[in-house]
């Protein structure tokens, strides 16, 4: 249905209900001439006279009465559809498909999603843990919670938190291999790294405004932070991990911070989604919740 016909329907209905073009135009915020023109264009489009016009009053023709009845039903259906859409837009509903890394999912996201669902009873969450970068559109995800700023073309990333990075190892490893005193000492240690990025072999450190990068290597690489942390706990080598992955092990004395006087940097956690335009309410609700929760 063309928009001019729909507008004509609305003006025609308003004219009949108000009893005059003047009253209808005032109600709709139109000039009298514009209201008259809309009805005339509607009649021309239909090839029918809808109203009998006299100097004293307006009356419906037989065709006009039939058209008013049917067009009123159409307008009511449109109003109902708009109301339903507006309600859905304002209240998060449906299923929210979320993907994140195994480390984030196991240690933080379960608790966060539980709290989030308590605030939004109309929602369900389908959480998929995966350490690879998934294609949100191709695989049908609404949002990804990722470490680092990598964003594919057409996606939007919003920073929700910064995570401190910690370099650590087990007491048994350090007793056997020695405790590094400066970043360059790491070059002669067994450092356990991520396998999905060659840049993980370069570990940055900051002290007194000066940055140093150390090229590290080791006997074990993995694409999962939890696996690397467990290997370090077992005494295999030194790791560089987000604090949320190793803080519990450090508290339990299973791991010991290495080079604590040096700043090992931080990683940002991002919410990644497909578009800012017409962002679904359920996606916006989760983003706003995470930003507020991590503040």
Protein backbone atom coordinates (compact mmCIF):
# COMPACT_ATOMS: atom_id res chain seq x y z
CA UNK A 1 0.00 0.00 0.00
CA UNK A 2 1.41 3.37 -0.99
CA UNK A 3 1.89 5.88 1.81
CA UNK A 4 -0.23 8.59 0.08
CA UNK A 5 -3.22 6.22 0.05
CA UNK A 6 -2.69 5.37 3.71
CA UNK A 7 -2.52 9.04 4.62
CA UNK A 8 -5.62 9.65 2.53
CA UNK A 9 -7.42 6.94 4.52
CA UNK A 10 -6.48 8.61 7.79
CA UNK A 11 -7.58 12.05 6.63
CA UNK A 12 -10.83 10.70 5.18
CA UNK A 13 -11.63 8.90 8.43
CA UNK A 14 -10.81 12.00 10.47
CA UNK A 15 -13.04 14.18 8.26
CA UNK A 16 -16.00 11.82 8.69
CA UNK A 17 -15.50 11.54 12.46
CA UNK A 18 -15.03 15.30 12.91
CA UNK A 19 -17.89 16.22 10.56
CA UNK A 20 -15.88 18.81 8.65
CA UNK A 21 -12.61 19.38 6.85
CA UNK A 22 -11.77 22.31 9.14
CA UNK A 23 -12.09 20.31 12.37
CA UNK A 24 -10.26 17.30 10.91
CA UNK A 25 -7.42 19.46 9.60
CA UNK A 26 -7.00 21.11 12.98
CA UNK A 27 -6.90 17.73 14.73
CA UNK A 28 -4.32 16.36 12.28
CA UNK A 29 -2.18 19.48 12.22
CA UNK A 30 -2.88 20.13 8.54
CA UNK A 31 -4.18 23.11 6.66
CA UNK A 32 -7.79 22.96 5.50
CA UNK A 33 -6.61 22.97 1.90
CA UNK A 34 -4.22 20.07 2.50
CA UNK A 35 -6.93 17.95 4.14
CA UNK A 36 -9.27 18.65 1.23
CA UNK A 37 -6.53 17.74 -1.23
CA UNK A 38 -5.81 14.38 0.45
CA UNK A 39 -9.45 13.31 0.25
CA UNK A 40 -9.73 14.49 -3.36
CA UNK A 41 -6.61 12.52 -4.29
CA UNK A 42 -8.01 9.44 -2.54
CA UNK A 43 -11.27 9.73 -4.49
CA UNK A 44 -9.33 10.14 -7.73
CA UNK A 45 -7.23 7.09 -6.90
CA UNK A 46 -10.33 4.99 -6.21
CA UNK A 47 -12.40 6.46 -9.04
CA UNK A 48 -15.27 6.95 -6.56
CA UNK A 49 -16.95 9.83 -4.78
CA UNK A 50 -16.72 9.17 -1.07
CA UNK A 51 -18.33 12.33 0.32
CA UNK A 52 -21.28 14.48 -0.65
CA UNK A 53 -20.25 18.07 -0.06
CA UNK A 54 -22.72 20.91 0.52
CA UNK A 55 -22.22 24.33 2.02
CA UNK A 56 -23.81 23.16 5.27
CA UNK A 57 -22.59 19.61 5.85
CA UNK A 58 -20.81 16.54 4.60
CA UNK A 59 -22.40 13.14 4.11
CA UNK A 60 -21.10 9.76 3.06
CA UNK A 61 -21.98 8.28 -0.28
CA UNK A 62 -22.89 4.60 -0.33
CA UNK A 63 -19.42 3.82 -1.64
CA UNK A 64 -17.97 6.13 1.01
CA UNK A 65 -19.75 4.26 3.80
CA UNK A 66 -18.42 0.92 2.56
CA UNK A 67 -14.92 2.32 2.17
CA UNK A 68 -15.02 3.90 5.64
CA UNK A 69 -15.91 0.55 7.23
CA UNK A 70 -13.12 -1.33 5.48
CA UNK A 71 -10.50 1.40 5.80
CA UNK A 72 -11.29 1.77 9.52
CA UNK A 73 -10.48 -1.92 9.96
CA UNK A 74 -7.19 -1.46 8.11
CA UNK A 75 -6.26 1.59 10.19
CA UNK A 76 -7.11 -0.27 13.40
CA UNK A 77 -4.88 -3.19 12.35
CA UNK A 78 -2.04 -0.79 11.54
CA UNK A 79 -2.44 0.94 14.91
CA UNK A 80 -2.38 -2.41 16.67
CA UNK A 81 0.74 -3.49 14.75
CA UNK A 82 2.49 -0.21 15.57
CA UNK A 83 1.56 -0.52 19.23
CA UNK A 84 2.83 -4.10 19.35
CA UNK A 85 6.10 -3.14 17.64
CA UNK A 86 6.58 -0.19 19.99
CA UNK A 87 6.01 -2.42 23.00
CA UNK A 88 8.49 -4.99 21.71
CA UNK A 89 10.98 -2.20 21.04
CA UNK A 90 10.68 -0.90 24.59
CA UNK A 91 10.62 -4.22 26.51
CA UNK A 92 13.38 -6.81 25.91
CA UNK A 93 11.80 -10.07 24.75
CA UNK A 94 12.75 -13.28 22.98
CA UNK A 95 16.00 -15.24 22.87
CA UNK A 96 19.37 -13.48 22.98
CA UNK A 97 22.20 -15.49 21.39
CA UNK A 98 25.55 -14.63 22.93
CA UNK A 99 29.04 -15.96 22.22
CA UNK A 100 32.17 -15.45 24.28
CA UNK A 101 35.46 -17.16 25.07
CA UNK A 102 35.62 -20.24 27.27
CA UNK A 103 37.59 -18.36 29.92
CA UNK A 104 35.15 -15.45 30.12
CA UNK A 105 32.15 -17.73 29.95
CA UNK A 106 33.19 -20.11 32.69
CA UNK A 107 34.47 -17.55 35.17
CA UNK A 108 32.25 -14.49 34.74
CA UNK A 109 29.44 -14.74 32.22
CA UNK A 110 27.36 -17.35 34.04
CA UNK A 111 26.99 -15.12 37.08
CA UNK A 112 26.42 -12.02 34.97
CA UNK A 113 23.78 -13.65 32.78
CA UNK A 114 21.95 -14.92 35.86
CA UNK A 115 21.80 -11.38 37.22
CA UNK A 116 20.80 -10.00 33.81
CA UNK A 117 17.92 -12.47 33.40
CA UNK A 118 16.66 -11.53 36.84
CA UNK A 119 16.22 -7.98 35.56
CA UNK A 120 14.58 -9.04 32.27
CA UNK A 121 12.10 -11.91 32.82
CA UNK A 122 10.88 -11.72 29.21
CA UNK A 123 14.27 -12.85 27.88
CA UNK A 124 16.04 -16.14 27.35
CA UNK A 125 19.79 -16.36 26.75
CA UNK A 126 21.59 -18.92 24.57
CA UNK A 127 25.28 -18.66 25.56
CA UNK A 128 27.87 -20.39 23.36
CA UNK A 129 31.48 -20.62 24.54
CA UNK A 130 34.11 -20.64 21.81
CA UNK A 131 37.69 -19.40 21.69
CA UNK A 132 37.60 -18.77 17.94
CA UNK A 133 36.25 -15.52 16.47
CA UNK A 134 32.79 -16.47 15.20
CA UNK A 135 30.90 -14.86 12.32
CA UNK A 136 27.98 -13.22 14.12
CA UNK A 137 25.76 -12.83 11.06
CA UNK A 138 26.56 -16.19 9.47
CA UNK A 139 26.12 -18.13 12.71
CA UNK A 140 23.09 -16.22 13.97
CA UNK A 141 24.49 -14.53 17.08
CA UNK A 142 23.12 -11.26 18.44
CA UNK A 143 26.27 -10.25 20.28
CA UNK A 144 29.80 -11.40 21.11
CA UNK A 145 31.78 -10.59 24.25
CA UNK A 146 35.41 -10.52 23.15
CA UNK A 147 38.82 -9.71 24.49
CA UNK A 148 40.66 -7.22 22.29
CA UNK A 149 39.48 -4.74 19.66
CA UNK A 150 39.39 -6.95 16.56
CA UNK A 151 36.20 -6.13 14.67
CA UNK A 152 35.15 -7.49 11.29
CA UNK A 153 33.80 -5.18 8.60
CA UNK A 154 30.21 -4.18 9.26
CA UNK A 155 30.37 -4.85 13.00
CA UNK A 156 30.36 -2.40 15.89
CA UNK A 157 32.44 -2.78 19.07
CA UNK A 158 31.69 -1.09 22.38
CA UNK A 159 34.22 -1.25 25.18
CA UNK A 160 32.70 -2.53 28.42
CA UNK A 161 35.71 -3.11 30.67
CA UNK A 162 39.49 -3.14 31.03
CA UNK A 163 41.17 -6.27 32.38
CA UNK A 164 44.61 -6.23 34.01
CA UNK A 165 47.17 -8.68 32.62
CA UNK A 166 49.28 -10.77 34.99
CA UNK A 167 52.49 -12.71 34.32
CA UNK A 168 52.81 -15.66 36.66
CA UNK A 169 54.14 -19.18 37.22
CA UNK A 170 54.06 -21.92 39.83
CA UNK A 171 56.45 -21.97 42.78
CA UNK A 172 57.81 -25.31 41.60
CA UNK A 173 58.72 -23.91 38.19
CA UNK A 174 60.39 -20.81 39.63
CA UNK A 175 62.32 -22.88 42.18
CA UNK A 176 63.63 -25.11 39.43
CA UNK A 177 64.23 -22.54 36.67
CA UNK A 178 64.87 -19.38 38.65
CA UNK A 179 62.87 -16.18 39.17
CA UNK A 180 63.05 -13.60 36.33
CA UNK A 181 64.32 -10.25 37.57
CA UNK A 182 63.81 -8.17 34.43
CA UNK A 183 61.58 -8.70 31.36
CA UNK A 184 64.54 -9.75 29.19
CA UNK A 185 65.06 -12.78 31.47
CA UNK A 186 61.83 -14.24 30.05
CA UNK A 187 63.61 -14.92 26.76
CA UNK A 188 65.40 -17.85 28.41
CA UNK A 189 62.30 -19.26 30.14
CA UNK A 190 59.60 -21.65 28.98
CA UNK A 191 56.74 -19.24 28.24
CA UNK A 192 53.33 -20.67 27.39
CA UNK A 193 51.52 -18.69 24.70
CA UNK A 194 48.29 -18.46 22.75
CA UNK A 195 48.31 -20.21 19.38
CA UNK A 196 45.79 -18.03 17.53
CA UNK A 197 48.07 -15.02 17.16
CA UNK A 198 51.75 -14.72 16.33
CA UNK A 199 51.83 -11.44 18.30
CA UNK A 200 51.31 -13.38 21.52
CA UNK A 201 55.04 -14.21 21.35
CA UNK A 202 55.81 -10.54 22.10
CA UNK A 203 55.11 -9.71 25.73
CA UNK A 204 55.02 -5.96 26.54
CA UNK A 205 55.99 -4.43 29.88
CA UNK A 206 55.83 -0.85 31.13
CA UNK A 207 57.83 0.81 33.91
CA UNK A 208 58.51 4.48 34.63
CA UNK A 209 56.93 5.44 31.31
CA UNK A 210 59.17 3.15 29.27
CA UNK A 211 57.80 0.17 27.34
CA UNK A 212 59.80 -2.96 26.68
CA UNK A 213 58.78 -5.92 24.54
CA UNK A 214 60.27 -9.35 24.99
CA UNK A 215 60.10 -12.10 22.37
CA UNK A 216 59.25 -15.26 24.27
CA UNK A 217 58.95 -18.90 23.30
CA UNK A 218 58.15 -22.21 24.90
CA UNK A 219 57.24 -25.85 24.52
CA UNK A 220 53.47 -25.40 24.71
CA UNK A 221 50.92 -23.25 22.92
CA UNK A 222 47.12 -23.43 23.16
CA UNK A 223 44.09 -21.49 21.98
CA UNK A 224 42.50 -21.50 25.44
CA UNK A 225 43.55 -19.47 28.46
CA UNK A 226 42.24 -21.94 31.03
CA UNK A 227 44.34 -24.72 29.51
CA UNK A 228 47.44 -22.51 29.64
CA UNK A 229 46.71 -21.57 33.26
CA UNK A 230 46.35 -25.22 34.26
CA UNK A 231 49.63 -26.05 32.52
CA UNK A 232 51.35 -23.27 34.46
CA UNK A 233 49.87 -24.55 37.73
CA UNK A 234 51.29 -27.96 36.86
CA UNK A 235 54.75 -26.36 36.63
CA UNK A 236 55.25 -26.31 32.87
CA UNK A 237 56.15 -22.65 32.45
CA UNK A 238 55.29 -18.94 32.69
CA UNK A 239 52.01 -17.48 31.42
CA UNK A 240 50.65 -14.02 30.65
CA UNK A 241 46.91 -14.02 31.37
CA UNK A 242 43.97 -11.75 32.27
CA UNK A 243 43.69 -11.48 36.04
CA UNK A 244 40.21 -13.00 36.08
CA UNK A 245 41.73 -16.27 34.83
CA UNK A 246 44.52 -16.50 37.39
CA UNK A 247 43.44 -14.46 40.44
CA UNK A 248 41.94 -17.47 42.20
CA UNK A 249 45.06 -19.58 41.59
CA UNK A 250 47.22 -16.73 42.91
CA UNK A 251 45.05 -16.37 46.02
CA UNK A 252 45.42 -20.13 46.61
CA UNK A 253 49.22 -19.90 46.15
CA UNK A 254 49.06 -22.19 43.11
CA UNK A 255 50.61 -19.43 41.00
CA UNK A 256 52.98 -16.59 41.88
CA UNK A 257 53.16 -13.21 40.07
CA UNK A 258 56.34 -12.74 38.06
CA UNK A 259 57.94 -9.28 37.66
CA UNK A 260 55.29 -7.61 39.86
CA UNK A 261 57.12 -4.28 39.73
CA UNK A 262 56.44 -4.12 35.98
CA UNK A 263 53.09 -3.32 34.40
CA UNK A 264 52.22 -6.19 32.06
CA UNK A 265 49.45 -4.17 30.42
CA UNK A 266 45.71 -4.57 30.10
CA UNK A 267 43.22 -5.91 27.62
CA UNK A 268 39.81 -4.44 26.92
CA UNK A 269 36.61 -6.48 26.84
CA UNK A 270 34.28 -5.46 24.02
CA UNK A 271 30.65 -6.10 23.19
CA UNK A 272 30.55 -6.72 19.43
CA UNK A 273 27.29 -6.55 17.47
CA UNK A 274 26.14 -6.14 13.90
CA UNK A 275 24.83 -2.57 13.66
CA UNK A 276 23.99 0.57 15.64
CA UNK A 277 20.92 1.21 13.51
CA UNK A 278 17.71 -0.39 14.81
CA UNK A 279 19.68 -2.16 17.53
CA UNK A 280 17.30 -4.71 19.12
CA UNK A 281 16.20 -3.78 22.62
CA UNK A 282 17.43 -7.12 23.97
CA UNK A 283 20.95 -6.44 22.66
CA UNK A 284 21.00 -2.87 23.98
CA UNK A 285 19.77 -4.13 27.35
CA UNK A 286 22.69 -6.57 27.68
CA UNK A 287 25.26 -3.99 26.57
CA UNK A 288 23.96 -1.38 29.02
CA UNK A 289 23.89 -3.98 31.80
CA UNK A 290 27.49 -5.07 31.19
CA UNK A 291 28.79 -1.49 30.98
CA UNK A 292 27.04 -0.62 34.25
CA UNK A 293 28.16 -3.85 35.92
CA UNK A 294 31.84 -3.35 35.08
CA UNK A 295 31.99 0.33 36.03
